Amino acid sequence: MAVCLGFDYGVKKIGVAVGDTETNLANPLTTVCAVKQKIGWDEISKLIEEWKPAKMVVGISRKDDGEDNEVTPKMVRFSRQLEGRYHCPVELFDEALTTFEAKQLLFDEVHVSANKLWQVQDQLAAKLILQSWLNTKQQEK
């Protein structure tokens, strides 16, 4: 079994999820806040130490035509920093609309309040990213 961490990178918040390749299930874990656009590396380090992932997956977004958007280079930079700091393989995975999907799920189906939505939407988006990645890897077997 290989533990994996999934990340939904944002300038203000980074959603984190955990999953494994044996059960092929991902679960929301936490949201790491960025203060003045500085990543909470101490909190991420604690997560890495606790979960000891064999792989990390970072959601990457692009425009509909496949070109980079204004956040894409920051997502790529974040993934490189993760790999460099923790010496763990990082894979970029298309996150097409996962934050939107997470908001829809939480607000429309679960009826989460707007305040609570802001707190948990990124970790649910990270879960959706990681779950999609796990599903893709399962299909490749």
N, C-alpha and C. Protein backbone atom coordinates (compact mmCIF):
# COMPACT_ATOMS: atom_id res chain seq x y z
N MET A 1 0.84 -1.17 0.00
CA MET A 1 0.00 0.00 0.00
C MET A 1 0.89 1.24 0.00
N ALA A 2 0.53 2.21 -0.84
CA ALA A 2 1.27 3.46 -0.89
C ALA A 2 0.34 4.60 -0.52
N VAL A 3 0.74 5.35 0.49
CA VAL A 3 -0.02 6.53 0.90
C VAL A 3 0.31 7.68 -0.04
N CYS A 4 -0.71 8.43 -0.42
CA CYS A 4 -0.55 9.57 -1.31
C CYS A 4 -1.22 10.78 -0.68
N LEU A 5 -0.64 11.94 -0.90
CA LEU A 5 -1.26 13.19 -0.50
C LEU A 5 -1.63 13.96 -1.77
N GLY A 6 -2.80 14.56 -1.75
CA GLY A 6 -3.26 15.37 -2.87
C GLY A 6 -3.38 16.82 -2.42
N PHE A 7 -3.06 17.75 -3.33
CA PHE A 7 -3.08 19.17 -3.01
C PHE A 7 -3.89 19.94 -4.04
N ASP A 8 -4.75 20.81 -3.52
CA ASP A 8 -5.46 21.78 -4.36
C ASP A 8 -4.84 23.13 -4.02
N TYR A 9 -3.88 23.55 -4.85
CA TYR A 9 -3.13 24.78 -4.57
C TYR A 9 -3.96 26.02 -4.87
N GLY A 10 -3.90 26.95 -3.94
CA GLY A 10 -4.47 28.27 -4.14
C GLY A 10 -3.55 29.28 -3.50
N VAL A 11 -3.62 30.50 -3.95
CA VAL A 11 -2.74 31.55 -3.43
C VAL A 11 -3.03 31.81 -1.94
N LYS A 12 -4.30 31.70 -1.53
CA LYS A 12 -4.66 31.96 -0.14
C LYS A 12 -4.81 30.69 0.70
N LYS A 13 -5.20 29.59 0.06
CA LYS A 13 -5.43 28.33 0.79
C LYS A 13 -5.01 27.16 -0.07
N ILE A 14 -4.53 26.11 0.60
CA ILE A 14 -4.15 24.89 -0.08
C ILE A 14 -4.92 23.74 0.58
N GLY A 15 -5.79 23.12 -0.18
CA GLY A 15 -6.52 21.96 0.33
C GLY A 15 -5.63 20.74 0.26
N VAL A 16 -5.76 19.87 1.26
CA VAL A 16 -4.95 18.66 1.32
C VAL A 16 -5.87 17.47 1.55
N ALA A 17 -5.59 16.38 0.83
CA ALA A 17 -6.32 15.13 0.99
C ALA A 17 -5.32 14.00 1.12
N VAL A 18 -5.78 12.89 1.66
CA VAL A 18 -4.94 11.71 1.80
C VAL A 18 -5.67 10.52 1.19
N GLY A 19 -4.90 9.61 0.62
CA GLY A 19 -5.48 8.41 0.03
C GLY A 19 -4.42 7.33 -0.04
N ASP A 20 -4.82 6.17 -0.51
CA ASP A 20 -3.82 5.12 -0.68
C ASP A 20 -4.17 4.27 -1.90
N THR A 21 -3.16 3.60 -2.40
CA THR A 21 -3.30 2.84 -3.64
C THR A 21 -3.90 1.46 -3.41
N GLU A 22 -4.04 1.04 -2.16
CA GLU A 22 -4.65 -0.26 -1.89
C GLU A 22 -6.18 -0.17 -1.94
N THR A 23 -6.74 0.79 -1.22
CA THR A 23 -8.19 0.95 -1.21
C THR A 23 -8.67 1.81 -2.37
N ASN A 24 -7.74 2.58 -2.95
CA ASN A 24 -8.07 3.53 -4.01
C ASN A 24 -9.13 4.54 -3.56
N LEU A 25 -9.03 4.95 -2.31
CA LEU A 25 -9.95 5.94 -1.77
C LEU A 25 -9.18 7.14 -1.24
N ALA A 26 -9.72 8.32 -1.51
CA ALA A 26 -9.14 9.56 -1.01
C ALA A 26 -10.12 10.20 -0.03
N ASN A 27 -9.57 10.90 0.94
CA ASN A 27 -10.39 11.59 1.94
C ASN A 27 -9.84 13.00 2.16
N PRO A 28 -10.73 13.97 2.36
CA PRO A 28 -10.26 15.32 2.68
C PRO A 28 -9.50 15.28 4.00
N LEU A 29 -8.45 16.09 4.12
CA LEU A 29 -7.61 16.07 5.32
C LEU A 29 -7.65 17.41 6.05
N THR A 30 -7.22 18.47 5.38
CA THR A 30 -7.14 19.77 6.03
C THR A 30 -6.98 20.86 4.98
N THR A 31 -7.02 22.09 5.45
CA THR A 31 -6.73 23.24 4.61
C THR A 31 -5.58 24.01 5.24
N VAL A 32 -4.55 24.25 4.46
CA VAL A 32 -3.39 25.02 4.91
C VAL A 32 -3.56 26.44 4.39
N CYS A 33 -3.57 27.39 5.30
CA CYS A 33 -3.74 28.79 4.89
C CYS A 33 -2.39 29.41 4.56
N ALA A 34 -2.40 30.24 3.55
CA ALA A 34 -1.21 31.00 3.18
C ALA A 34 -1.38 32.41 3.75
N VAL A 35 -0.42 32.85 4.51
CA VAL A 35 -0.48 34.18 5.10
C VAL A 35 0.36 35.11 4.24
N LYS A 36 -0.27 36.16 3.74
CA LYS A 36 0.38 37.11 2.83
C LYS A 36 1.03 36.36 1.66
N GLN A 37 0.30 35.39 1.14
CA GLN A 37 0.70 34.56 0.00
C GLN A 37 1.96 33.74 0.26
N LYS A 38 2.26 33.48 1.55
CA LYS A 38 3.38 32.62 1.90
C LYS A 38 2.83 31.28 2.35
N ILE A 39 3.30 30.24 1.73
CA ILE A 39 2.82 28.88 1.97
C ILE A 39 3.16 28.46 3.40
N GLY A 40 2.23 27.77 4.05
CA GLY A 40 2.43 27.27 5.41
C GLY A 40 3.27 25.99 5.41
N TRP A 41 4.56 26.14 5.13
CA TRP A 41 5.44 24.96 5.01
C TRP A 41 5.54 24.18 6.31
N ASP A 42 5.47 24.85 7.46
CA ASP A 42 5.55 24.12 8.73
C ASP A 42 4.40 23.13 8.86
N GLU A 43 3.19 23.57 8.50
CA GLU A 43 2.03 22.70 8.57
C GLU A 43 2.13 21.56 7.55
N ILE A 44 2.60 21.88 6.36
CA ILE A 44 2.78 20.84 5.34
C ILE A 44 3.84 19.84 5.79
N SER A 45 4.91 20.32 6.40
CA SER A 45 5.96 19.42 6.90
C SER A 45 5.40 18.44 7.92
N LYS A 46 4.53 18.92 8.80
CA LYS A 46 3.92 18.04 9.80
C LYS A 46 3.08 16.96 9.12
N LEU A 47 2.35 17.35 8.06
CA LEU A 47 1.53 16.37 7.33
C LEU A 47 2.41 15.33 6.65
N ILE A 48 3.50 15.77 6.06
CA ILE A 48 4.43 14.85 5.39
C ILE A 48 5.02 13.88 6.41
N GLU A 49 5.41 14.41 7.56
CA GLU A 49 5.99 13.57 8.61
C GLU A 49 4.97 12.56 9.13
N GLU A 50 3.73 13.00 9.32
CA GLU A 50 2.70 12.12 9.84
C GLU A 50 2.30 11.03 8.85
N TRP A 51 2.09 11.40 7.58
CA TRP A 51 1.54 10.46 6.60
C TRP A 51 2.60 9.72 5.79
N LYS A 52 3.82 10.26 5.72
CA LYS A 52 4.92 9.65 4.98
C LYS A 52 4.49 9.17 3.58
N PRO A 53 4.04 10.10 2.74
CA PRO A 53 3.53 9.70 1.43
C PRO A 53 4.62 9.15 0.51
N ALA A 54 4.22 8.21 -0.32
CA ALA A 54 5.10 7.67 -1.36
C ALA A 54 4.99 8.51 -2.63
N LYS A 55 3.89 9.28 -2.72
CA LYS A 55 3.64 10.10 -3.91
C LYS A 55 2.77 11.27 -3.46
N MET A 56 2.97 12.41 -4.12
CA MET A 56 2.11 13.57 -3.91
C MET A 56 1.55 13.99 -5.27
N VAL A 57 0.31 14.42 -5.25
CA VAL A 57 -0.38 14.81 -6.47
C VAL A 57 -0.87 16.25 -6.29
N VAL A 58 -0.50 17.10 -7.24
CA VAL A 58 -0.91 18.51 -7.20
C VAL A 58 -1.83 18.77 -8.38
N GLY A 59 -3.00 19.30 -8.09
CA GLY A 59 -3.92 19.67 -9.15
C GLY A 59 -3.37 20.84 -9.95
N ILE A 60 -3.50 20.75 -11.26
CA ILE A 60 -3.03 21.83 -12.15
C ILE A 60 -4.20 22.28 -13.00
N SER A 61 -4.38 23.58 -13.08
CA SER A 61 -5.48 24.10 -13.90
C SER A 61 -4.91 24.87 -15.08
N ARG A 62 -5.65 24.79 -16.16
CA ARG A 62 -5.29 25.53 -17.38
C ARG A 62 -6.57 26.09 -17.97
N LYS A 63 -6.42 26.97 -18.94
CA LYS A 63 -7.57 27.50 -19.66
C LYS A 63 -8.20 26.39 -20.49
N ASP A 64 -9.41 26.63 -20.96
CA ASP A 64 -10.12 25.63 -21.77
C ASP A 64 -9.35 25.20 -23.00
N ASP A 65 -8.53 26.11 -23.55
CA ASP A 65 -7.76 25.78 -24.75
C ASP A 65 -6.44 25.07 -24.44
N GLY A 66 -6.19 24.79 -23.14
CA GLY A 66 -4.98 24.08 -22.75
C GLY A 66 -3.81 24.98 -22.39
N GLU A 67 -3.94 26.26 -22.65
CA GLU A 67 -2.88 27.22 -22.30
C GLU A 67 -2.89 27.46 -20.79
N ASP A 68 -1.73 27.87 -20.28
CA ASP A 68 -1.62 28.21 -18.86
C ASP A 68 -2.50 29.40 -18.53
N ASN A 69 -3.08 29.39 -17.32
CA ASN A 69 -3.75 30.58 -16.81
C ASN A 69 -2.78 31.30 -15.87
N GLU A 70 -3.22 32.34 -15.19
CA GLU A 70 -2.28 33.11 -14.36
C GLU A 70 -1.81 32.34 -13.12
N VAL A 71 -2.52 31.30 -12.70
CA VAL A 71 -2.13 30.55 -11.52
C VAL A 71 -1.29 29.32 -11.87
N THR A 72 -1.34 28.86 -13.10
CA THR A 72 -0.63 27.64 -13.51
C THR A 72 0.85 27.67 -13.12
N PRO A 73 1.60 28.75 -13.43
CA PRO A 73 3.03 28.74 -13.05
C PRO A 73 3.24 28.62 -11.53
N LYS A 74 2.33 29.18 -10.74
CA LYS A 74 2.44 29.08 -9.28
C LYS A 74 2.19 27.64 -8.82
N MET A 75 1.28 26.95 -9.49
CA MET A 75 1.01 25.55 -9.16
C MET A 75 2.23 24.69 -9.49
N VAL A 76 2.84 24.95 -10.63
CA VAL A 76 4.03 24.21 -11.04
C VAL A 76 5.17 24.48 -10.05
N ARG A 77 5.33 25.73 -9.67
CA ARG A 77 6.37 26.10 -8.69
C ARG A 77 6.14 25.39 -7.36
N PHE A 78 4.89 25.39 -6.90
CA PHE A 78 4.54 24.71 -5.65
C PHE A 78 4.90 23.23 -5.73
N SER A 79 4.57 22.58 -6.84
CA SER A 79 4.86 21.15 -6.98
C SER A 79 6.37 20.89 -6.97
N ARG A 80 7.13 21.77 -7.59
CA ARG A 80 8.60 21.62 -7.59
C ARG A 80 9.16 21.82 -6.18
N GLN A 81 8.60 22.78 -5.45
CA GLN A 81 9.04 23.01 -4.08
C GLN A 81 8.73 21.80 -3.20
N LEU A 82 7.54 21.22 -3.37
CA LEU A 82 7.19 20.01 -2.61
C LEU A 82 8.21 18.90 -2.86
N GLU A 83 8.49 18.66 -4.13
CA GLU A 83 9.41 17.59 -4.49
C GLU A 83 10.81 17.87 -3.96
N GLY A 84 11.26 19.11 -4.08
CA GLY A 84 12.59 19.48 -3.63
C GLY A 84 12.74 19.43 -2.11
N ARG A 85 11.75 19.89 -1.39
CA ARG A 85 11.81 19.92 0.07
C ARG A 85 11.71 18.54 0.69
N TYR A 86 10.84 17.70 0.15
CA TYR A 86 10.51 16.44 0.81
C TYR A 86 11.04 15.21 0.08
N HIS A 87 11.71 15.41 -1.05
CA HIS A 87 12.31 14.30 -1.80
C HIS A 87 11.32 13.17 -2.03
N CYS A 88 10.14 13.56 -2.43
CA CYS A 88 9.04 12.63 -2.71
C CYS A 88 8.51 12.96 -4.10
N PRO A 89 8.26 11.96 -4.93
CA PRO A 89 7.77 12.24 -6.28
C PRO A 89 6.43 13.00 -6.24
N VAL A 90 6.33 13.98 -7.11
CA VAL A 90 5.12 14.78 -7.24
C VAL A 90 4.63 14.68 -8.68
N GLU A 91 3.35 14.43 -8.83
CA GLU A 91 2.74 14.36 -10.15
C GLU A 91 1.70 15.46 -10.28
N LEU A 92 1.71 16.16 -11.40
CA LEU A 92 0.69 17.15 -11.69
C LEU A 92 -0.50 16.42 -12.32
N PHE A 93 -1.71 16.83 -11.92
CA PHE A 93 -2.91 16.17 -12.43
C PHE A 93 -3.96 17.22 -12.72
N ASP A 94 -4.59 17.11 -13.86
CA ASP A 94 -5.60 18.08 -14.29
C ASP A 94 -6.70 18.20 -13.24
N GLU A 95 -6.91 19.42 -12.77
CA GLU A 95 -7.91 19.64 -11.72
C GLU A 95 -9.19 20.25 -12.27
N ALA A 96 -9.39 20.20 -13.55
CA ALA A 96 -10.51 20.85 -14.21
C ALA A 96 -11.76 20.95 -13.34
N LEU A 97 -12.01 22.15 -12.88
CA LEU A 97 -13.24 22.52 -12.17
C LEU A 97 -13.47 21.82 -10.83
N THR A 98 -12.43 21.31 -10.19
CA THR A 98 -12.66 20.59 -8.93
C THR A 98 -13.13 21.51 -7.81
N THR A 99 -12.61 22.74 -7.73
CA THR A 99 -13.06 23.65 -6.68
C THR A 99 -14.52 24.01 -6.91
N PHE A 100 -14.89 24.25 -8.17
CA PHE A 100 -16.29 24.53 -8.49
C PHE A 100 -17.17 23.33 -8.12
N GLU A 101 -16.71 22.13 -8.48
CA GLU A 101 -17.46 20.91 -8.17
C GLU A 101 -17.60 20.73 -6.66
N ALA A 102 -16.53 21.01 -5.92
CA ALA A 102 -16.59 20.90 -4.47
C ALA A 102 -17.60 21.87 -3.88
N LYS A 103 -17.59 23.11 -4.36
CA LYS A 103 -18.55 24.11 -3.87
C LYS A 103 -19.98 23.67 -4.16
N GLN A 104 -20.22 23.17 -5.37
CA GLN A 104 -21.55 22.72 -5.74
C GLN A 104 -22.02 21.60 -4.83
N LEU A 105 -21.14 20.63 -4.60
CA LEU A 105 -21.47 19.49 -3.76
C LEU A 105 -21.79 19.94 -2.34
N LEU A 106 -20.93 20.78 -1.78
CA LEU A 106 -21.12 21.21 -0.40
C LEU A 106 -22.33 22.12 -0.23
N PHE A 107 -22.50 23.06 -1.14
CA PHE A 107 -23.55 24.06 -0.99
C PHE A 107 -24.91 23.52 -1.40
N ASP A 108 -24.97 22.88 -2.55
CA ASP A 108 -26.25 22.43 -3.09
C ASP A 108 -26.73 21.12 -2.47
N GLU A 109 -25.83 20.16 -2.31
CA GLU A 109 -26.26 18.83 -1.88
C GLU A 109 -26.17 18.62 -0.37
N VAL A 110 -25.15 19.20 0.26
CA VAL A 110 -24.97 18.99 1.69
C VAL A 110 -25.50 20.18 2.49
N HIS A 111 -25.75 21.29 1.81
CA HIS A 111 -26.29 22.51 2.41
C HIS A 111 -25.37 23.09 3.48
N VAL A 112 -24.08 23.13 3.18
CA VAL A 112 -23.10 23.73 4.07
C VAL A 112 -23.22 25.24 3.98
N SER A 113 -23.10 25.93 5.10
CA SER A 113 -23.19 27.39 5.11
C SER A 113 -22.02 27.99 4.35
N ALA A 114 -22.20 29.22 3.90
CA ALA A 114 -21.15 29.90 3.12
C ALA A 114 -19.86 30.02 3.93
N ASN A 115 -19.96 30.29 5.24
CA ASN A 115 -18.78 30.42 6.07
C ASN A 115 -18.03 29.08 6.19
N LYS A 116 -18.76 28.01 6.44
CA LYS A 116 -18.15 26.69 6.54
C LYS A 116 -17.62 26.23 5.18
N LEU A 117 -18.33 26.58 4.12
CA LEU A 117 -17.92 26.26 2.76
C LEU A 117 -16.52 26.79 2.49
N TRP A 118 -16.27 28.04 2.88
CA TRP A 118 -14.96 28.67 2.67
C TRP A 118 -13.87 27.87 3.37
N GLN A 119 -14.19 27.27 4.50
CA GLN A 119 -13.19 26.54 5.29
C GLN A 119 -12.85 25.17 4.72
N VAL A 120 -13.81 24.52 4.06
CA VAL A 120 -13.59 23.12 3.67
C VAL A 120 -13.57 22.85 2.17
N GLN A 121 -13.92 23.83 1.34
CA GLN A 121 -14.02 23.56 -0.09
C GLN A 121 -12.70 23.12 -0.71
N ASP A 122 -11.58 23.65 -0.23
CA ASP A 122 -10.29 23.32 -0.83
C ASP A 122 -9.85 21.90 -0.50
N GLN A 123 -10.13 21.45 0.72
CA GLN A 123 -9.76 20.07 1.05
C GLN A 123 -10.65 19.08 0.32
N LEU A 124 -11.89 19.44 0.06
CA LEU A 124 -12.75 18.57 -0.75
C LEU A 124 -12.28 18.57 -2.21
N ALA A 125 -11.85 19.73 -2.70
CA ALA A 125 -11.30 19.79 -4.06
C ALA A 125 -10.03 18.93 -4.15
N ALA A 126 -9.19 18.97 -3.11
CA ALA A 126 -7.99 18.12 -3.08
C ALA A 126 -8.38 16.65 -3.10
N LYS A 127 -9.44 16.30 -2.38
CA LYS A 127 -9.93 14.92 -2.38
C LYS A 127 -10.37 14.52 -3.78
N LEU A 128 -11.10 15.41 -4.47
CA LEU A 128 -11.56 15.11 -5.83
C LEU A 128 -10.38 14.93 -6.79
N ILE A 129 -9.36 15.76 -6.64
CA ILE A 129 -8.15 15.64 -7.47
C ILE A 129 -7.48 14.29 -7.22
N LEU A 130 -7.25 13.98 -5.94
CA LEU A 130 -6.56 12.73 -5.60
C LEU A 130 -7.39 11.51 -5.99
N GLN A 131 -8.70 11.58 -5.77
CA GLN A 131 -9.56 10.45 -6.15
C GLN A 131 -9.54 10.22 -7.65
N SER A 132 -9.57 11.29 -8.43
CA SER A 132 -9.48 11.16 -9.89
C SER A 132 -8.16 10.55 -10.30
N TRP A 133 -7.08 10.97 -9.66
CA TRP A 133 -5.75 10.42 -9.95
C TRP A 133 -5.72 8.92 -9.61
N LEU A 134 -6.23 8.56 -8.43
CA LEU A 134 -6.27 7.15 -8.03
C LEU A 134 -7.09 6.33 -9.01
N ASN A 135 -8.23 6.87 -9.45
CA ASN A 135 -9.08 6.16 -10.42
C ASN A 135 -8.34 5.94 -11.73
N THR A 136 -7.60 6.94 -12.18
CA THR A 136 -6.82 6.83 -13.41
C THR A 136 -5.75 5.75 -13.27
N LYS A 137 -5.06 5.74 -12.15
CA LYS A 137 -4.01 4.74 -11.92
C LYS A 137 -4.60 3.33 -11.86
N GLN A 138 -5.78 3.19 -11.26
CA GLN A 138 -6.46 1.90 -11.17
C GLN A 138 -6.82 1.39 -12.57
N GLN A 139 -7.28 2.29 -13.43
CA GLN A 139 -7.65 1.91 -14.79
C GLN A 139 -6.45 1.51 -15.63
N GLU A 140 -5.29 2.06 -15.30
CA GLU A 140 -4.07 1.74 -16.06
C GLU A 140 -3.53 0.36 -15.73
N LYS A 141 -3.98 -0.22 -14.62
CA LYS A 141 -3.47 -1.55 -14.21
C LYS A 141 -3.95 -2.65 -15.11
